[in-house]
Amino acid sequence: MAGHSKWANIQHRKGRQDEKRGKAWTRVIREIMVAARQGGGDPTANPRLRLAIDKAKAVNLPADTVKRNIDKATGNLEGVNYEEIRYEGYGIGGAAIIVDCMTDNRVRTVAEVRHAFSKYGGNLGTEGSVAFQFKHCGQFVFAPGAAGVTEDKVMEVALEAGAEDVIAGEDGSIEVLCAPPDFEAVKAALVAAGLNPELAEVTMRAENTVALEGDDAERMQKLLDVIEDLDDVQDVYHNAEI
């Protein structure tokens, strides 16, 4: 995202996600089940499961629900088997979109995603068609003017903990990037130093952005909303500045 509007775009995205909080439990449960099935049910030995449990706590998912779904995923209880699928495509103005899904019915999912793209002005692409425009990384963002947060302090703590880059935005925000395996270590170091980011996640970060305004911006937001509302969709990443 361009520096001048990074914080505005992040606030916008967080706001849209909060509006869809009703789907949060479903998405977190799927993430817990896939993480546990792939890496085992012990969070201390499974970093992806630890992250999923953190997400569960953030949306107030009951602990017994977390345990029950870990047990389902590891074979201790009967449950649904989800597989992960990624779709890539283009939105309004050529903006790139990545759609990560977890599904128990691949045929249903691809049909729904393709329909959403085609009906609302996008085009579903082939594997690898837009992923090169994104970086898989850990991302921490501090709001402009956050109390006690300075670029020097963030840089000192983050780089010492293994972060790859610290970026000061023109709007006063500060962004920290790290490799996904280093996410937990960098987060722990920042929090221990009293630096609490507004946003902390492992994400697909757009390397460059496409600015959209007016009607194009509205059409793009509609397309994103429709895709995010699909039952099998876990995450949507894009490079549009709306």
Protein backbone atom coordinates (compact mmCIF):
# COMPACT_ATOMS: atom_id res chain seq x y z
CA MET A 1 0.00 0.00 0.00
CA ALA A 2 1.23 3.50 -0.72
CA GLY A 3 2.54 5.18 2.41
CA HIS A 4 0.15 8.11 2.35
CA SER A 5 -2.94 5.95 2.75
CA LYS A 6 -1.66 2.78 4.40
CA TRP A 7 -3.34 3.44 7.72
CA ALA A 8 -6.63 4.51 6.12
CA ASN A 9 -6.69 1.32 4.07
CA ILE A 10 -5.93 -0.86 7.08
CA GLN A 11 -8.68 0.80 9.11
CA HIS A 12 -11.08 0.31 6.22
CA ARG A 13 -10.21 -3.38 5.94
CA LYS A 14 -10.47 -3.94 9.70
CA GLY A 15 -13.83 -2.19 9.71
CA ARG A 16 -15.18 -4.43 6.99
CA GLN A 17 -13.91 -7.50 8.84
CA ASP A 18 -15.56 -6.37 12.07
CA GLU A 19 -18.87 -6.04 10.22
CA LYS A 20 -18.53 -9.69 9.25
CA ARG A 21 -17.71 -10.85 12.78
CA GLY A 22 -20.57 -13.35 12.61
CA LYS A 23 -18.45 -15.53 10.32
CA ALA A 24 -15.40 -15.26 12.55
CA TRP A 25 -16.12 -18.33 14.67
CA THR A 26 -16.71 -20.52 11.62
CA ARG A 27 -13.47 -19.38 10.01
CA VAL A 28 -11.43 -19.82 13.18
CA ILE A 29 -12.84 -23.32 13.76
CA ARG A 30 -11.85 -24.36 10.24
CA GLU A 31 -8.37 -22.93 10.72
CA ILE A 32 -8.00 -24.83 14.03
CA MET A 33 -9.09 -28.09 12.42
CA VAL A 34 -6.77 -27.81 9.42
CA ALA A 35 -3.83 -26.73 11.59
CA ALA A 36 -4.39 -29.59 14.04
CA ARG A 37 -4.82 -32.17 11.30
CA GLN A 38 -1.61 -31.11 9.56
CA GLY A 39 0.62 -30.47 12.55
CA GLY A 40 -0.94 -32.34 15.46
CA GLY A 41 -3.09 -31.24 18.37
CA ASP A 42 -0.32 -29.98 20.67
CA PRO A 43 -0.08 -26.17 20.33
CA THR A 44 3.41 -26.08 21.85
CA ALA A 45 4.71 -28.14 18.92
CA ASN A 46 2.44 -26.66 16.25
CA PRO A 47 3.00 -22.93 15.49
CA ARG A 48 0.07 -22.73 13.09
CA LEU A 49 -2.27 -24.14 15.73
CA ARG A 50 -0.95 -21.63 18.29
CA LEU A 51 -1.80 -18.79 15.91
CA ALA A 52 -5.26 -20.25 15.29
CA ILE A 53 -5.90 -20.50 19.05
CA ASP A 54 -4.80 -16.85 19.42
CA LYS A 55 -7.36 -15.91 16.74
CA ALA A 56 -9.98 -17.94 18.63
CA LYS A 57 -9.28 -16.02 21.84
CA ALA A 58 -9.51 -12.72 19.94
CA VAL A 59 -13.06 -13.53 18.81
CA ASN A 60 -14.04 -15.06 22.18
CA LEU A 61 -14.46 -18.62 20.92
CA PRO A 62 -15.07 -20.81 24.01
CA ALA A 63 -12.11 -22.96 25.08
CA ASP A 64 -14.20 -26.14 25.05
CA THR A 65 -15.13 -25.44 21.42
CA VAL A 66 -11.46 -25.06 20.57
CA LYS A 67 -10.60 -28.38 22.28
CA ARG A 68 -13.53 -30.21 20.67
CA ASN A 69 -12.47 -29.18 17.19
CA ILE A 70 -8.83 -30.08 17.82
CA ASP A 71 -10.06 -33.52 18.89
CA LYS A 72 -12.16 -33.81 15.73
CA ALA A 73 -9.21 -32.89 13.55
CA THR A 74 -6.82 -35.33 15.22
CA GLY A 75 -9.25 -38.23 15.00
CA ASN A 76 -10.46 -38.35 18.58
CA LEU A 77 -13.94 -37.27 17.50
CA GLU A 78 -15.81 -37.65 14.23
CA GLY A 79 -15.63 -34.47 12.14
CA VAL A 80 -15.48 -32.93 8.70
CA ASN A 81 -12.27 -32.98 6.68
CA TYR A 82 -11.46 -29.60 5.13
CA GLU A 83 -8.95 -28.99 2.37
CA GLU A 84 -7.27 -25.69 1.59
CA ILE A 85 -7.64 -24.13 -1.86
CA ARG A 86 -6.35 -20.81 -3.16
CA TYR A 87 -7.95 -18.94 -6.07
CA GLU A 88 -6.42 -15.97 -7.84
CA GLY A 89 -8.06 -13.39 -10.05
CA TYR A 90 -8.57 -9.80 -11.04
CA GLY A 91 -11.07 -7.25 -9.82
CA ILE A 92 -12.03 -3.80 -11.02
CA GLY A 93 -9.27 -1.86 -12.77
CA GLY A 94 -7.03 -4.91 -12.89
CA ALA A 95 -6.64 -5.06 -9.11
CA ALA A 96 -5.22 -8.40 -7.96
CA ILE A 97 -7.24 -10.64 -5.63
CA ILE A 98 -6.26 -13.79 -3.74
CA VAL A 99 -9.03 -15.91 -2.17
CA ASP A 100 -8.09 -18.55 0.39
CA CYS A 101 -10.76 -21.16 1.07
CA MET A 102 -11.26 -24.19 3.28
CA THR A 103 -13.86 -26.59 1.97
CA ASP A 104 -15.27 -30.07 2.17
CA ASN A 105 -16.60 -29.75 -1.40
CA ARG A 106 -14.13 -28.38 -3.95
CA VAL A 107 -16.67 -28.43 -6.83
CA ARG A 108 -19.13 -26.26 -4.90
CA THR A 109 -16.45 -23.82 -3.81
CA VAL A 110 -14.91 -23.15 -7.23
CA ALA A 111 -18.38 -22.67 -8.73
CA GLU A 112 -19.31 -20.10 -6.07
CA VAL A 113 -16.01 -18.21 -6.36
CA ARG A 114 -16.13 -18.17 -10.17
CA HIS A 115 -19.74 -16.93 -10.11
CA ALA A 116 -18.88 -14.11 -7.70
CA PHE A 117 -15.99 -12.93 -9.86
CA SER A 118 -17.93 -13.04 -13.13
CA LYS A 119 -21.15 -11.49 -11.82
CA TYR A 120 -19.49 -8.53 -10.12
CA GLY A 121 -16.97 -7.45 -12.71
CA GLY A 122 -13.92 -9.58 -11.95
CA ASN A 123 -12.12 -12.43 -13.67
CA LEU A 124 -10.99 -15.66 -12.05
CA GLY A 125 -7.42 -16.36 -13.13
CA THR A 126 -5.12 -19.36 -13.13
CA GLU A 127 -2.84 -20.50 -10.33
CA GLY A 128 0.07 -18.10 -10.00
CA SER A 129 -1.56 -15.37 -12.07
CA VAL A 130 -1.43 -12.75 -9.29
CA ALA A 131 0.35 -14.35 -6.31
CA PHE A 132 3.70 -12.95 -7.47
CA GLN A 133 2.34 -9.48 -6.64
CA PHE A 134 2.10 -10.38 -2.94
CA LYS A 135 4.57 -11.29 -0.20
CA HIS A 136 3.74 -13.95 2.39
CA CYS A 137 4.91 -12.39 5.63
CA GLY A 138 4.22 -11.46 9.20
CA GLN A 139 2.92 -7.89 9.43
CA PHE A 140 2.64 -5.55 12.40
CA VAL A 141 1.21 -2.05 12.03
CA PHE A 142 1.33 0.76 14.59
CA ALA A 143 -1.16 3.60 14.32
CA PRO A 144 0.09 7.13 13.62
CA GLY A 145 0.93 8.84 16.89
CA ALA A 146 0.56 5.72 19.04
CA ALA A 147 1.64 6.48 22.61
CA GLY A 148 5.22 5.52 23.38
CA VAL A 149 5.86 4.25 19.86
CA THR A 150 8.77 5.67 17.91
CA GLU A 151 10.38 4.44 14.72
CA ASP A 152 13.77 4.07 16.45
CA LYS A 153 12.35 2.02 19.30
CA VAL A 154 10.29 -0.22 17.01
CA MET A 155 13.29 -0.73 14.73
CA GLU A 156 15.62 -1.62 17.61
CA VAL A 157 13.25 -4.18 19.13
CA ALA A 158 11.92 -5.65 15.89
CA LEU A 159 15.21 -6.14 14.09
CA GLU A 160 16.80 -7.65 17.19
CA ALA A 161 13.92 -10.17 17.29
CA GLY A 162 14.39 -11.19 13.67
CA ALA A 163 12.18 -8.80 11.67
CA GLU A 164 13.19 -8.18 8.04
CA ASP A 165 12.08 -4.58 7.62
CA VAL A 166 10.59 -1.57 9.40
CA ILE A 167 8.74 0.91 7.21
CA ALA A 168 7.68 4.41 8.28
CA GLY A 169 4.59 5.56 6.38
CA GLU A 170 4.05 9.10 5.18
CA ASP A 171 0.93 9.13 7.36
CA GLY A 172 2.95 8.45 10.52
CA SER A 173 2.15 4.76 10.77
CA ILE A 174 4.94 2.24 11.34
CA GLU A 175 4.96 -1.19 9.74
CA VAL A 176 7.11 -4.17 10.68
CA LEU A 177 7.59 -7.13 8.33
CA CYS A 178 9.06 -10.53 9.14
CA ALA A 179 9.22 -14.05 7.74
CA PRO A 180 6.16 -16.13 8.81
CA PRO A 181 8.22 -18.50 11.03
CA ASP A 182 9.51 -15.48 12.99
CA PHE A 183 6.06 -13.98 13.61
CA GLU A 184 5.62 -15.20 17.17
CA ALA A 185 9.13 -14.20 18.26
CA VAL A 186 8.79 -10.69 16.82
CA LYS A 187 5.32 -10.24 18.31
CA ALA A 188 6.48 -11.36 21.76
CA ALA A 189 9.47 -9.01 21.64
CA LEU A 190 7.35 -6.02 20.62
CA VAL A 191 4.74 -6.66 23.33
CA ALA A 192 7.43 -7.23 25.97
CA ALA A 193 8.88 -3.82 25.07
CA GLY A 194 5.49 -2.17 25.53
CA LEU A 195 4.94 -1.82 21.78
CA ASN A 196 1.43 -3.08 21.06
CA PRO A 197 0.55 -3.06 17.34
CA GLU A 198 -2.94 -2.24 16.13
CA LEU A 199 -2.63 -5.04 13.60
CA ALA A 200 -0.60 -8.25 13.91
CA GLU A 201 -1.09 -11.07 11.43
CA VAL A 202 0.51 -13.45 8.97
CA THR A 203 -0.77 -12.22 5.65
CA MET A 204 -0.27 -11.84 1.92
CA ARG A 205 0.98 -8.26 1.63
CA ALA A 206 0.58 -6.47 -1.69
CA GLU A 207 3.91 -5.28 -3.11
CA ASN A 208 2.24 -2.58 -5.23
CA THR A 209 -1.26 -1.13 -5.23
CA VAL A 210 -3.97 -0.04 -7.65
CA ALA A 211 -5.79 3.17 -6.67
CA LEU A 212 -9.56 3.07 -7.19
CA GLU A 213 -12.00 5.94 -6.68
CA GLY A 214 -15.67 6.69 -7.17
CA ASP A 215 -17.69 4.09 -9.05
CA ASP A 216 -14.72 1.79 -9.53
CA ALA A 217 -14.03 1.80 -5.78
CA GLU A 218 -17.69 0.98 -5.03
CA ARG A 219 -17.72 -1.85 -7.56
CA MET A 220 -14.50 -3.28 -6.17
CA GLN A 221 -15.83 -3.16 -2.60
CA LYS A 222 -19.01 -4.92 -3.71
CA LEU A 223 -16.98 -7.67 -5.38
CA LEU A 224 -14.83 -8.12 -2.26
CA ASP A 225 -17.90 -8.18 0.00
CA VAL A 226 -19.59 -10.85 -2.09
CA ILE A 227 -16.46 -13.03 -2.13
CA GLU A 228 -15.88 -12.62 1.62
CA ASP A 229 -19.47 -13.60 2.33
CA LEU A 230 -19.10 -17.00 0.64
CA ASP A 231 -19.29 -19.78 3.23
CA ASP A 232 -16.03 -21.47 2.25
CA VAL A 233 -13.89 -18.33 2.10
CA GLN A 234 -11.33 -17.87 4.89
CA ASP A 235 -9.32 -14.84 3.77
CA VAL A 236 -9.31 -12.38 0.89
CA TYR A 237 -6.21 -10.37 -0.02
CA HIS A 238 -6.08 -7.62 -2.65
CA ASN A 239 -3.92 -4.74 -3.80
CA ALA A 240 -6.66 -2.15 -4.29
CA GLU A 241 -6.50 1.21 -2.53
CA ILE A 242 -10.16 2.00 -2.00
